[in-house]
């Protein structure tokens, strides 16, 4: 009996320690003004995970136990009792908590960085987001802790289709900006291939708002474009996106930032719960082909594809489009 009491006491102490980390994280989030309902949901998610771990391992979890296998096991367990959207929301909240612990040097890496949400059966086409979903994410970015930076990152990714790693690796000298046009040179493309992608008005406007205070000029495209040409060689080689500590924003942190925005928007049913940052690239590709039907060669150049078969995936109809086509068949007596 005494041994069991000591074991229970040890579990309580460890659980209390990890719960304190959770409450500190939620307090930090509260300072960033998220919706109170989102904070309550995050707390329920983390508490559910902590209770599940105790049931599985008969002890409370510690930061050393925060491994990909632990969260993969949790995902597998919740799939049997929760809806797909709910499981993905749980993963999203836990991923954001782990990102906070990485920022506070409690964890070395985010164990959920490469753990994907559950995807429902589709017909093989890449998922893309609606205009309302994109706008919801952009609005959340403008309410984030680093609104100008986060909004510019989102706009640059959705307006160019670049990958997360490509966006994260950008330096100031990779962009050219003028009043009427601009380009971004992606040097860290897949397969070590370099490409140049044009910047449209939305991307240039977001970059202007982000760069103006950093360059010490008025927030106008003309002023920023002029200042851009006068940046000295040392500053031009610096990373375009910086963390709060002034270092290059890591790919994990960039991923976590976008996932955090997705979690907030998904909690309000503004974006699908299975949304991922990579869907920004899919959205760009699908919209490009909608506006420029059949231009696979142009899209392949923009996306950095060397094989048109890869690009042709974006021509496949969505599940909803197939359903509508089947419904519209002349064979359908109820059409």
C-alpha atoms as a PDB file:
ATOM      1  CA  UNK A   1       0.000   0.000   0.000  1.00  0.00           C
ATOM      2  CA  UNK A   2       2.788   2.425   0.856  1.00  0.00           C
ATOM      3  CA  UNK A   3       4.537   1.709  -2.426  1.00  0.00           C
ATOM      4  CA  UNK A   4       1.349   2.398  -4.389  1.00  0.00           C
ATOM      5  CA  UNK A   5       0.827   5.632  -2.478  1.00  0.00           C
ATOM      6  CA  UNK A   6       4.381   6.728  -3.317  1.00  0.00           C
ATOM      7  CA  UNK A   7       3.824   5.836  -6.994  1.00  0.00           C
ATOM      8  CA  UNK A   8       0.572   7.772  -7.081  1.00  0.00           C
ATOM      9  CA  UNK A   9       2.259  10.707  -5.376  1.00  0.00           C
ATOM     10  CA  UNK A  10       5.071  10.610  -7.968  1.00  0.00           C
ATOM     11  CA  UNK A  11       2.552  10.620 -10.797  1.00  0.00           C
ATOM     12  CA  UNK A  12       0.738  13.565  -9.230  1.00  0.00           C
ATOM     13  CA  UNK A  13       3.980  15.554  -8.913  1.00  0.00           C
ATOM     14  CA  UNK A  14       5.007  14.893 -12.515  1.00  0.00           C
ATOM     15  CA  UNK A  15       1.509  15.606 -13.762  1.00  0.00           C
ATOM     16  CA  UNK A  16       1.456  18.850 -11.802  1.00  0.00           C
ATOM     17  CA  UNK A  17       4.771  19.902 -13.352  1.00  0.00           C
ATOM     18  CA  UNK A  18       3.626  19.279 -16.918  1.00  0.00           C
ATOM     19  CA  UNK A  19       0.259  20.888 -16.169  1.00  0.00           C
ATOM     20  CA  UNK A  20       2.095  24.005 -14.997  1.00  0.00           C
ATOM     21  CA  UNK A  21       3.838  24.134 -18.369  1.00  0.00           C
ATOM     22  CA  UNK A  22       0.443  23.900 -20.057  1.00  0.00           C
ATOM     23  CA  UNK A  23      -0.962  26.779 -17.999  1.00  0.00           C
ATOM     24  CA  UNK A  24       2.113  28.923 -18.690  1.00  0.00           C
ATOM     25  CA  UNK A  25       1.659  28.299 -22.407  1.00  0.00           C
ATOM     26  CA  UNK A  26      -2.029  29.172 -22.237  1.00  0.00           C
ATOM     27  CA  UNK A  27      -1.167  32.338 -20.326  1.00  0.00           C
ATOM     28  CA  UNK A  28       1.276  33.348 -23.071  1.00  0.00           C
ATOM     29  CA  UNK A  29      -1.401  32.675 -25.677  1.00  0.00           C
ATOM     30  CA  UNK A  30      -3.853  34.762 -23.700  1.00  0.00           C
ATOM     31  CA  UNK A  31      -1.448  37.702 -23.945  1.00  0.00           C
ATOM     32  CA  UNK A  32      -1.635  37.354 -27.735  1.00  0.00           C
ATOM     33  CA  UNK A  33      -5.426  37.795 -27.531  1.00  0.00           C
ATOM     34  CA  UNK A  34      -6.775  34.547 -29.002  1.00  0.00           C
ATOM     35  CA  UNK A  35     -10.463  33.758 -28.544  1.00  0.00           C
ATOM     36  CA  UNK A  36     -11.289  32.514 -25.007  1.00  0.00           C
ATOM     37  CA  UNK A  37     -13.058  29.541 -26.586  1.00  0.00           C
ATOM     38  CA  UNK A  38      -9.809  28.598 -28.341  1.00  0.00           C
ATOM     39  CA  UNK A  39      -7.912  28.647 -25.040  1.00  0.00           C
ATOM     40  CA  UNK A  40     -10.502  26.405 -23.404  1.00  0.00           C
ATOM     41  CA  UNK A  41     -10.326  23.995 -26.307  1.00  0.00           C
ATOM     42  CA  UNK A  42      -6.536  23.880 -26.150  1.00  0.00           C
ATOM     43  CA  UNK A  43      -6.677  23.153 -22.433  1.00  0.00           C
ATOM     44  CA  UNK A  44      -9.150  20.293 -22.970  1.00  0.00           C
ATOM     45  CA  UNK A  45      -6.994  18.839 -25.741  1.00  0.00           C
ATOM     46  CA  UNK A  46      -3.789  18.879 -23.696  1.00  0.00           C
ATOM     47  CA  UNK A  47      -5.565  17.491 -20.645  1.00  0.00           C
ATOM     48  CA  UNK A  48      -7.009  14.678 -22.761  1.00  0.00           C
ATOM     49  CA  UNK A  49      -3.531  13.825 -24.048  1.00  0.00           C
ATOM     50  CA  UNK A  50      -2.008  13.872 -20.543  1.00  0.00           C
ATOM     51  CA  UNK A  51      -4.756  11.617 -19.163  1.00  0.00           C
ATOM     52  CA  UNK A  52      -4.385   9.243 -22.116  1.00  0.00           C
ATOM     53  CA  UNK A  53      -0.639   8.963 -21.539  1.00  0.00           C
ATOM     54  CA  UNK A  54      -1.130   8.094 -17.866  1.00  0.00           C
ATOM     55  CA  UNK A  55      -3.624   5.382 -18.801  1.00  0.00           C
ATOM     56  CA  UNK A  56      -1.188   3.913 -21.330  1.00  0.00           C
ATOM     57  CA  UNK A  57       2.071   4.158 -19.380  1.00  0.00           C
ATOM     58  CA  UNK A  58       0.768   4.223 -15.780  1.00  0.00           C
ATOM     59  CA  UNK A  59       2.839   7.329 -15.110  1.00  0.00           C
ATOM     60  CA  UNK A  60       2.706  11.008 -15.967  1.00  0.00           C
ATOM     61  CA  UNK A  61       4.519  12.256 -19.034  1.00  0.00           C
ATOM     62  CA  UNK A  62       7.656  14.396 -18.828  1.00  0.00           C
ATOM     63  CA  UNK A  63       9.238  16.530 -21.571  1.00  0.00           C
ATOM     64  CA  UNK A  64      11.677  13.663 -22.228  1.00  0.00           C
ATOM     65  CA  UNK A  65       8.695  11.546 -23.272  1.00  0.00           C
ATOM     66  CA  UNK A  66       7.619  14.032 -25.927  1.00  0.00           C
ATOM     67  CA  UNK A  67       8.638  11.903 -28.896  1.00  0.00           C
ATOM     68  CA  UNK A  68       7.104  11.377 -32.350  1.00  0.00           C
ATOM     69  CA  UNK A  69       6.159   7.809 -31.421  1.00  0.00           C
ATOM     70  CA  UNK A  70       4.158   9.023 -28.404  1.00  0.00           C
ATOM     71  CA  UNK A  71       2.105  11.405 -30.500  1.00  0.00           C
ATOM     72  CA  UNK A  72       1.746   8.917 -33.355  1.00  0.00           C
ATOM     73  CA  UNK A  73       0.326   6.433 -30.843  1.00  0.00           C
ATOM     74  CA  UNK A  74      -2.034   9.118 -29.549  1.00  0.00           C
ATOM     75  CA  UNK A  75      -3.205   9.879 -33.074  1.00  0.00           C
ATOM     76  CA  UNK A  76      -3.851   6.188 -33.703  1.00  0.00           C
ATOM     77  CA  UNK A  77      -5.782   5.843 -30.440  1.00  0.00           C
ATOM     78  CA  UNK A  78      -7.978   8.893 -31.012  1.00  0.00           C
ATOM     79  CA  UNK A  79      -8.835   7.789 -34.542  1.00  0.00           C
ATOM     80  CA  UNK A  80     -10.972   5.000 -33.070  1.00  0.00           C
ATOM     81  CA  UNK A  81     -13.063   7.303 -30.886  1.00  0.00           C
ATOM     82  CA  UNK A  82     -13.044  10.739 -32.539  1.00  0.00           C
ATOM     83  CA  UNK A  83     -14.104  12.250 -35.829  1.00  0.00           C
ATOM     84  CA  UNK A  84     -11.327  12.980 -38.303  1.00  0.00           C
ATOM     85  CA  UNK A  85     -11.712  16.729 -37.877  1.00  0.00           C
ATOM     86  CA  UNK A  86     -11.463  16.413 -34.086  1.00  0.00           C
ATOM     87  CA  UNK A  87      -8.294  14.300 -34.272  1.00  0.00           C
ATOM     88  CA  UNK A  88      -6.679  16.868 -36.545  1.00  0.00           C
ATOM     89  CA  UNK A  89      -7.620  19.691 -34.196  1.00  0.00           C
ATOM     90  CA  UNK A  90      -6.010  17.776 -31.320  1.00  0.00           C
ATOM     91  CA  UNK A  91      -2.810  17.313 -33.311  1.00  0.00           C
ATOM     92  CA  UNK A  92      -2.843  20.980 -34.289  1.00  0.00           C
ATOM     93  CA  UNK A  93      -3.169  22.169 -30.676  1.00  0.00           C
ATOM     94  CA  UNK A  94      -0.500  19.771 -29.414  1.00  0.00           C
ATOM     95  CA  UNK A  95       1.834  20.791 -32.215  1.00  0.00           C
ATOM     96  CA  UNK A  96       1.449  24.411 -31.219  1.00  0.00           C
ATOM     97  CA  UNK A  97       2.124  23.605 -27.552  1.00  0.00           C
ATOM     98  CA  UNK A  98       5.287  21.732 -28.516  1.00  0.00           C
ATOM     99  CA  UNK A  99       6.387  24.647 -30.703  1.00  0.00           C
ATOM    100  CA  UNK A 100       6.069  26.896 -27.659  1.00  0.00           C
ATOM    101  CA  UNK A 101       8.222  24.477 -25.638  1.00  0.00           C
ATOM    102  CA  UNK A 102      10.848  24.530 -28.389  1.00  0.00           C
ATOM    103  CA  UNK A 103      10.853  28.337 -28.281  1.00  0.00           C
ATOM    104  CA  UNK A 104      11.376  28.171 -24.500  1.00  0.00           C
ATOM    105  CA  UNK A 105      14.144  25.548 -24.845  1.00  0.00           C
ATOM    106  CA  UNK A 106      12.147  22.924 -22.970  1.00  0.00           C
ATOM    107  CA  UNK A 107      12.232  20.712 -26.065  1.00  0.00           C
ATOM    108  CA  UNK A 108      15.024  20.581 -28.632  1.00  0.00           C
ATOM    109  CA  UNK A 109      12.729  19.876 -31.575  1.00  0.00           C
ATOM    110  CA  UNK A 110       8.999  19.734 -32.138  1.00  0.00           C
ATOM    111  CA  UNK A 111       8.020  16.032 -32.085  1.00  0.00           C
ATOM    112  CA  UNK A 112       4.887  16.797 -34.100  1.00  0.00           C
ATOM    113  CA  UNK A 113       6.633  18.774 -36.825  1.00  0.00           C
ATOM    114  CA  UNK A 114       6.440  15.895 -39.302  1.00  0.00           C
ATOM    115  CA  UNK A 115       3.334  14.137 -37.974  1.00  0.00           C
ATOM    116  CA  UNK A 116       0.552  14.763 -40.436  1.00  0.00           C
ATOM    117  CA  UNK A 117      -3.132  14.984 -39.751  1.00  0.00           C
ATOM    118  CA  UNK A 118      -5.589  12.385 -40.993  1.00  0.00           C
ATOM    119  CA  UNK A 119      -6.624  12.830 -44.576  1.00  0.00           C
ATOM    120  CA  UNK A 120     -10.017  11.670 -45.694  1.00  0.00           C
ATOM    121  CA  UNK A 121     -10.182   9.581 -48.830  1.00  0.00           C
ATOM    122  CA  UNK A 122      -9.998  11.831 -51.869  1.00  0.00           C
ATOM    123  CA  UNK A 123      -9.511  11.040 -55.554  1.00  0.00           C
ATOM    124  CA  UNK A 124      -5.793  11.746 -55.513  1.00  0.00           C
ATOM    125  CA  UNK A 125      -5.859  15.473 -56.188  1.00  0.00           C
ATOM    126  CA  UNK A 126      -4.007  17.967 -53.978  1.00  0.00           C
ATOM    127  CA  UNK A 127      -6.285  19.845 -51.597  1.00  0.00           C
ATOM    128  CA  UNK A 128      -6.771  23.568 -52.049  1.00  0.00           C
ATOM    129  CA  UNK A 129      -8.452  26.249 -49.980  1.00  0.00           C
ATOM    130  CA  UNK A 130     -11.423  28.454 -50.769  1.00  0.00           C
ATOM    131  CA  UNK A 131     -11.177  32.243 -50.929  1.00  0.00           C
ATOM    132  CA  UNK A 132     -12.952  32.521 -47.580  1.00  0.00           C
ATOM    133  CA  UNK A 133     -10.481  30.094 -45.961  1.00  0.00           C
ATOM    134  CA  UNK A 134      -7.469  31.989 -47.338  1.00  0.00           C
ATOM    135  CA  UNK A 135      -8.935  35.283 -46.156  1.00  0.00           C
ATOM    136  CA  UNK A 136      -9.587  33.814 -42.696  1.00  0.00           C
ATOM    137  CA  UNK A 137      -5.929  32.790 -42.379  1.00  0.00           C
ATOM    138  CA  UNK A 138      -4.767  36.206 -43.569  1.00  0.00           C
ATOM    139  CA  UNK A 139      -6.984  37.907 -40.980  1.00  0.00           C
ATOM    140  CA  UNK A 140      -5.586  35.695 -38.240  1.00  0.00           C
ATOM    141  CA  UNK A 141      -2.059  36.559 -39.372  1.00  0.00           C
ATOM    142  CA  UNK A 142      -2.861  40.245 -38.973  1.00  0.00           C
ATOM    143  CA  UNK A 143      -3.875  39.524 -35.365  1.00  0.00           C
ATOM    144  CA  UNK A 144      -0.781  37.476 -34.532  1.00  0.00           C
ATOM    145  CA  UNK A 145       2.177  38.461 -32.364  1.00  0.00           C
ATOM    146  CA  UNK A 146       4.148  39.453 -35.493  1.00  0.00           C
ATOM    147  CA  UNK A 147       1.364  40.630 -37.816  1.00  0.00           C
ATOM    148  CA  UNK A 148       3.423  42.279 -40.567  1.00  0.00           C
ATOM    149  CA  UNK A 149       5.857  39.371 -40.828  1.00  0.00           C
ATOM    150  CA  UNK A 150       3.273  36.601 -40.605  1.00  0.00           C
ATOM    151  CA  UNK A 151       0.921  38.283 -43.075  1.00  0.00           C
ATOM    152  CA  UNK A 152       3.770  38.778 -45.550  1.00  0.00           C
ATOM    153  CA  UNK A 153       4.825  35.136 -45.239  1.00  0.00           C
ATOM    154  CA  UNK A 154       1.290  33.900 -45.894  1.00  0.00           C
ATOM    155  CA  UNK A 155       0.777  36.211 -48.845  1.00  0.00           C
ATOM    156  CA  UNK A 156       4.138  35.328 -50.364  1.00  0.00           C
ATOM    157  CA  UNK A 157       3.428  31.611 -50.112  1.00  0.00           C
ATOM    158  CA  UNK A 158      -0.113  31.715 -51.467  1.00  0.00           C
ATOM    159  CA  UNK A 159       0.745  34.181 -54.268  1.00  0.00           C
ATOM    160  CA  UNK A 160       3.847  32.291 -55.477  1.00  0.00           C
ATOM    161  CA  UNK A 161       3.254  28.662 -54.532  1.00  0.00           C
ATOM    162  CA  UNK A 162       6.698  28.333 -52.942  1.00  0.00           C
ATOM    163  CA  UNK A 163       7.410  25.598 -50.424  1.00  0.00           C
ATOM    164  CA  UNK A 164       7.890  26.218 -46.692  1.00  0.00           C
ATOM    165  CA  UNK A 165      11.628  25.508 -46.861  1.00  0.00           C
ATOM    166  CA  UNK A 166      12.025  27.802 -49.858  1.00  0.00           C
ATOM    167  CA  UNK A 167      10.248  30.633 -48.065  1.00  0.00           C
ATOM    168  CA  UNK A 168      12.225  30.112 -44.869  1.00  0.00           C
ATOM    169  CA  UNK A 169      15.577  30.245 -46.713  1.00  0.00           C
ATOM    170  CA  UNK A 170      14.947  33.651 -48.333  1.00  0.00           C
ATOM    171  CA  UNK A 171      17.414  36.490 -47.821  1.00  0.00           C
ATOM    172  CA  UNK A 172      16.831  40.146 -48.612  1.00  0.00           C
ATOM    173  CA  UNK A 173      18.910  39.944 -51.790  1.00  0.00           C
ATOM    174  CA  UNK A 174      16.613  37.221 -53.168  1.00  0.00           C
ATOM    175  CA  UNK A 175      13.873  39.772 -53.806  1.00  0.00           C
ATOM    176  CA  UNK A 176      13.686  42.642 -56.248  1.00  0.00           C
ATOM    177  CA  UNK A 177      10.958  45.199 -55.810  1.00  0.00           C
ATOM    178  CA  UNK A 178       9.758  48.120 -57.875  1.00  0.00           C
ATOM    179  CA  UNK A 179       6.514  50.064 -58.083  1.00  0.00           C
ATOM    180  CA  UNK A 180       5.124  47.981 -60.932  1.00  0.00           C
ATOM    181  CA  UNK A 181       6.772  44.597 -60.621  1.00  0.00           C
ATOM    182  CA  UNK A 182       8.910  42.370 -58.466  1.00  0.00           C
ATOM    183  CA  UNK A 183      10.513  38.935 -58.407  1.00  0.00           C
ATOM    184  CA  UNK A 184      11.745  36.411 -55.884  1.00  0.00           C
ATOM    185  CA  UNK A 185      14.699  34.156 -56.610  1.00  0.00           C
ATOM    186  CA  UNK A 186      14.282  30.780 -54.972  1.00  0.00           C
ATOM    187  CA  UNK A 187      17.799  29.456 -54.530  1.00  0.00           C
ATOM    188  CA  UNK A 188      16.974  26.553 -52.197  1.00  0.00           C
ATOM    189  CA  UNK A 189      14.548  24.770 -54.512  1.00  0.00           C
ATOM    190  CA  UNK A 190      13.974  21.033 -54.528  1.00  0.00           C
ATOM    191  CA  UNK A 191      16.848  19.231 -56.190  1.00  0.00           C
ATOM    192  CA  UNK A 192      19.104  22.288 -55.713  1.00  0.00           C
ATOM    193  CA  UNK A 193      17.402  24.012 -58.637  1.00  0.00           C
ATOM    194  CA  UNK A 194      17.103  27.786 -58.740  1.00  0.00           C
ATOM    195  CA  UNK A 195      14.117  29.589 -60.222  1.00  0.00           C
ATOM    196  CA  UNK A 196      12.680  33.090 -60.402  1.00  0.00           C
ATOM    197  CA  UNK A 197       9.014  33.694 -59.619  1.00  0.00           C
ATOM    198  CA  UNK A 198       7.178  36.972 -60.337  1.00  0.00           C
ATOM    199  CA  UNK A 199       5.549  38.838 -57.451  1.00  0.00           C
ATOM    200  CA  UNK A 200       2.010  40.097 -58.018  1.00  0.00           C
ATOM    201  CA  UNK A 201       0.440  43.153 -56.410  1.00  0.00           C
ATOM    202  CA  UNK A 202      -0.780  41.322 -53.297  1.00  0.00           C
ATOM    203  CA  UNK A 203       2.664  39.891 -52.576  1.00  0.00           C
ATOM    204  CA  UNK A 204       4.391  43.244 -53.175  1.00  0.00           C
ATOM    205  CA  UNK A 205       1.932  45.097 -50.927  1.00  0.00           C
ATOM    206  CA  UNK A 206       2.458  42.633 -48.068  1.00  0.00           C
ATOM    207  CA  UNK A 207       6.238  42.821 -48.443  1.00  0.00           C
ATOM    208  CA  UNK A 208       6.052  46.615 -48.498  1.00  0.00           C
ATOM    209  CA  UNK A 209       4.140  46.728 -45.209  1.00  0.00           C
ATOM    210  CA  UNK A 210       6.623  44.309 -43.639  1.00  0.00           C
ATOM    211  CA  UNK A 211       9.801  45.960 -44.934  1.00  0.00           C
ATOM    212  CA  UNK A 212       8.916  49.641 -44.426  1.00  0.00           C
ATOM    213  CA  UNK A 213       9.507  49.804 -40.627  1.00  0.00           C
ATOM    214  CA  UNK A 214      12.619  47.642 -40.930  1.00  0.00           C
ATOM    215  CA  UNK A 215      14.047  49.956 -43.592  1.00  0.00           C
ATOM    216  CA  UNK A 216      12.935  53.071 -41.733  1.00  0.00           C
ATOM    217  CA  UNK A 217      10.864  54.467 -44.611  1.00  0.00           C
ATOM    218  CA  UNK A 218       7.170  55.315 -45.131  1.00  0.00           C
ATOM    219  CA  UNK A 219       4.908  52.368 -45.845  1.00  0.00           C
ATOM    220  CA  UNK A 220       4.510  53.022 -49.552  1.00  0.00           C
ATOM    221  CA  UNK A 221       5.658  50.841 -52.415  1.00  0.00           C
ATOM    222  CA  UNK A 222       7.592  53.720 -53.945  1.00  0.00           C
ATOM    223  CA  UNK A 223       9.536  54.441 -50.747  1.00  0.00           C
ATOM    224  CA  UNK A 224      10.256  50.791 -50.021  1.00  0.00           C
ATOM    225  CA  UNK A 225      11.283  50.051 -53.618  1.00  0.00           C
ATOM    226  CA  UNK A 226      13.761  52.940 -53.516  1.00  0.00           C
ATOM    227  CA  UNK A 227      15.144  51.896 -50.124  1.00  0.00           C
ATOM    228  CA  UNK A 228      15.447  48.306 -51.325  1.00  0.00           C
ATOM    229  CA  UNK A 229      18.020  49.331 -53.921  1.00  0.00           C
ATOM    230  CA  UNK A 230      20.163  51.088 -51.312  1.00  0.00           C
ATOM    231  CA  UNK A 231      20.479  48.204 -48.826  1.00  0.00           C
ATOM    232  CA  UNK A 232      24.186  47.564 -48.270  1.00  0.00           C
ATOM    233  CA  UNK A 233      25.771  44.251 -49.215  1.00  0.00           C
ATOM    234  CA  UNK A 234      26.028  43.026 -45.614  1.00  0.00           C
ATOM    235  CA  UNK A 235      22.344  43.614 -44.864  1.00  0.00           C
ATOM    236  CA  UNK A 236      21.228  42.190 -48.204  1.00  0.00           C
ATOM    237  CA  UNK A 237      22.681  38.810 -47.241  1.00  0.00           C
ATOM    238  CA  UNK A 238      20.666  38.693 -44.000  1.00  0.00           C
ATOM    239  CA  UNK A 239      17.588  36.437 -43.658  1.00  0.00           C
ATOM    240  CA  UNK A 240      14.318  37.988 -44.757  1.00  0.00           C
ATOM    241  CA  UNK A 241      12.372  36.430 -41.858  1.00  0.00           C
ATOM    242  CA  UNK A 242      13.732  36.673 -38.339  1.00  0.00           C
ATOM    243  CA  UNK A 243      12.676  35.130 -35.049  1.00  0.00           C
ATOM    244  CA  UNK A 244      11.954  37.133 -31.910  1.00  0.00           C
ATOM    245  CA  UNK A 245      15.602  36.650 -30.909  1.00  0.00           C
ATOM    246  CA  UNK A 246      16.860  38.091 -34.192  1.00  0.00           C
ATOM    247  CA  UNK A 247      17.964  34.795 -35.711  1.00  0.00           C
ATOM    248  CA  UNK A 248      16.775  33.289 -38.976  1.00  0.00           C
ATOM    249  CA  UNK A 249      13.257  31.969 -38.516  1.00  0.00           C
ATOM    250  CA  UNK A 250      13.559  28.179 -38.637  1.00  0.00           C
ATOM    251  CA  UNK A 251      11.451  26.021 -40.929  1.00  0.00           C
ATOM    252  CA  UNK A 252       9.923  24.390 -37.840  1.00  0.00           C
ATOM    253  CA  UNK A 253       8.974  27.768 -36.384  1.00  0.00           C
ATOM    254  CA  UNK A 254       7.557  28.954 -39.710  1.00  0.00           C
ATOM    255  CA  UNK A 255       5.533  25.755 -40.022  1.00  0.00           C
ATOM    256  CA  UNK A 256       4.376  26.120 -36.432  1.00  0.00           C
ATOM    257  CA  UNK A 257       3.346  29.728 -36.978  1.00  0.00           C
ATOM    258  CA  UNK A 258       1.104  28.816 -39.920  1.00  0.00           C
ATOM    259  CA  UNK A 259      -0.275  25.793 -38.105  1.00  0.00           C
ATOM    260  CA  UNK A 260      -1.125  28.014 -35.155  1.00  0.00           C
ATOM    261  CA  UNK A 261      -3.151  30.279 -37.430  1.00  0.00           C
ATOM    262  CA  UNK A 262      -4.837  27.216 -38.928  1.00  0.00           C
ATOM    263  CA  UNK A 263      -5.763  25.916 -35.463  1.00  0.00           C
ATOM    264  CA  UNK A 264      -7.372  29.203 -34.493  1.00  0.00           C
ATOM    265  CA  UNK A 265      -9.309  29.457 -37.751  1.00  0.00           C
ATOM    266  CA  UNK A 266     -10.300  25.773 -37.680  1.00  0.00           C
ATOM    267  CA  UNK A 267     -11.602  26.126 -34.118  1.00  0.00           C
ATOM    268  CA  UNK A 268     -14.038  28.711 -35.504  1.00  0.00           C
ATOM    269  CA  UNK A 269     -14.879  26.485 -38.510  1.00  0.00           C
ATOM    270  CA  UNK A 270     -13.340  28.998 -40.899  1.00  0.00           C
ATOM    271  CA  UNK A 271     -10.940  26.492 -42.488  1.00  0.00           C
ATOM    272  CA  UNK A 272     -11.075  22.680 -42.745  1.00  0.00           C
ATOM    273  CA  UNK A 273      -9.549  20.936 -39.738  1.00  0.00           C
ATOM    274  CA  UNK A 274      -7.195  18.959 -42.000  1.00  0.00           C
ATOM    275  CA  UNK A 275      -5.664  22.107 -43.486  1.00  0.00           C
ATOM    276  CA  UNK A 276      -1.868  22.101 -43.717  1.00  0.00           C
ATOM    277  CA  UNK A 277       0.601  24.849 -44.657  1.00  0.00           C
ATOM    278  CA  UNK A 278       1.400  22.953 -47.859  1.00  0.00           C
ATOM    279  CA  UNK A 279      -2.151  23.601 -49.041  1.00  0.00           C
ATOM    280  CA  UNK A 280      -1.138  27.195 -49.727  1.00  0.00           C
ATOM    281  CA  UNK A 281       1.045  25.838 -52.533  1.00  0.00           C
ATOM    282  CA  UNK A 282      -1.776  23.609 -53.798  1.00  0.00           C
ATOM    283  CA  UNK A 283      -4.169  26.564 -53.761  1.00  0.00           C
ATOM    284  CA  UNK A 284      -1.814  28.667 -55.872  1.00  0.00           C
ATOM    285  CA  UNK A 285      -1.411  25.832 -58.391  1.00  0.00           C
ATOM    286  CA  UNK A 286      -5.125  25.129 -58.730  1.00  0.00           C
ATOM    287  CA  UNK A 287      -6.003  28.818 -59.099  1.00  0.00           C
ATOM    288  CA  UNK A 288      -3.293  29.309 -61.719  1.00  0.00           C
ATOM    289  CA  UNK A 289      -4.733  26.507 -63.856  1.00  0.00           C
ATOM    290  CA  UNK A 290      -8.276  27.786 -63.323  1.00  0.00           C
ATOM    291  CA  UNK A 291      -7.244  31.195 -64.669  1.00  0.00           C
ATOM    292  CA  UNK A 292      -4.842  29.774 -67.288  1.00  0.00           C
ATOM    293  CA  UNK A 293      -6.312  26.413 -68.347  1.00  0.00           C
ATOM    294  CA  UNK A 294      -3.838  23.952 -69.814  1.00  0.00           C
ATOM    295  CA  UNK A 295      -0.698  25.957 -69.041  1.00  0.00           C
ATOM    296  CA  UNK A 296       1.124  23.095 -67.321  1.00  0.00           C
ATOM    297  CA  UNK A 297       4.501  24.241 -68.605  1.00  0.00           C
ATOM    298  CA  UNK A 298       4.116  27.699 -67.082  1.00  0.00           C
ATOM    299  CA  UNK A 299       2.896  26.261 -63.780  1.00  0.00           C
ATOM    300  CA  UNK A 300       5.746  23.748 -63.691  1.00  0.00           C
ATOM    301  CA  UNK A 301       8.259  26.589 -64.057  1.00  0.00           C
ATOM    302  CA  UNK A 302       6.641  28.533 -61.234  1.00  0.00           C
ATOM    303  CA  UNK A 303       6.483  25.526 -58.908  1.00  0.00           C
ATOM    304  CA  UNK A 304       9.946  24.240 -59.756  1.00  0.00           C
ATOM    305  CA  UNK A 305       8.748  20.916 -61.195  1.00  0.00           C
ATOM    306  CA  UNK A 306      11.016  19.077 -63.606  1.00  0.00           C
ATOM    307  CA  UNK A 307       8.344  16.495 -64.485  1.00  0.00           C
ATOM    308  CA  UNK A 308       5.038  17.592 -66.007  1.00  0.00           C
ATOM    309  CA  UNK A 309       3.412  14.456 -64.616  1.00  0.00           C
ATOM    310  CA  UNK A 310       3.839  15.974 -61.161  1.00  0.00           C
ATOM    311  CA  UNK A 311       2.235  19.219 -62.277  1.00  0.00           C
ATOM    312  CA  UNK A 312      -0.622  17.392 -64.007  1.00  0.00           C
ATOM    313  CA  UNK A 313      -1.916  16.271 -60.595  1.00  0.00           C
ATOM    314  CA  UNK A 314      -3.426  19.737 -60.285  1.00  0.00           C
ATOM    315  CA  UNK A 315      -5.643  19.097 -63.329  1.00  0.00           C
ATOM    316  CA  UNK A 316      -7.489  16.252 -61.617  1.00  0.00           C
ATOM    317  CA  UNK A 317     -11.063  17.027 -60.566  1.00  0.00           C
ATOM    318  CA  UNK A 318     -11.908  17.279 -56.902  1.00  0.00           C
ATOM    319  CA  UNK A 319     -14.262  14.821 -55.206  1.00  0.00           C
ATOM    320  CA  UNK A 320     -16.968  17.505 -55.205  1.00  0.00           C
ATOM    321  CA  UNK A 321     -16.502  18.156 -58.929  1.00  0.00           C
ATOM    322  CA  UNK A 322     -16.754  14.433 -59.718  1.00  0.00           C
ATOM    323  CA  UNK A 323     -19.890  14.140 -57.590  1.00  0.00           C
ATOM    324  CA  UNK A 324     -21.468  17.033 -59.478  1.00  0.00           C
ATOM    325  CA  UNK A 325     -20.530  15.534 -62.857  1.00  0.00           C
ATOM    326  CA  UNK A 326     -22.046  12.187 -61.904  1.00  0.00           C
ATOM    327  CA  UNK A 327     -25.179  13.952 -60.667  1.00  0.00           C
ATOM    328  CA  UNK A 328     -25.426  15.839 -63.968  1.00  0.00           C
ATOM    329  CA  UNK A 329     -25.334  12.668 -66.099  1.00  0.00           C
ATOM    330  CA  UNK A 330     -28.266  12.280 -68.462  1.00  0.00           C
ATOM    331  CA  UNK A 331     -28.685   8.773 -67.019  1.00  0.00           C
ATOM    332  CA  UNK A 332     -29.736  10.325 -63.722  1.00  0.00           C
ATOM    333  CA  UNK A 333     -33.541  10.363 -63.662  1.00  0.00           C
ATOM    334  CA  UNK A 334     -33.523  12.887 -60.812  1.00  0.00           C
ATOM    335  CA  UNK A 335     -31.323  15.424 -62.543  1.00  0.00           C
END
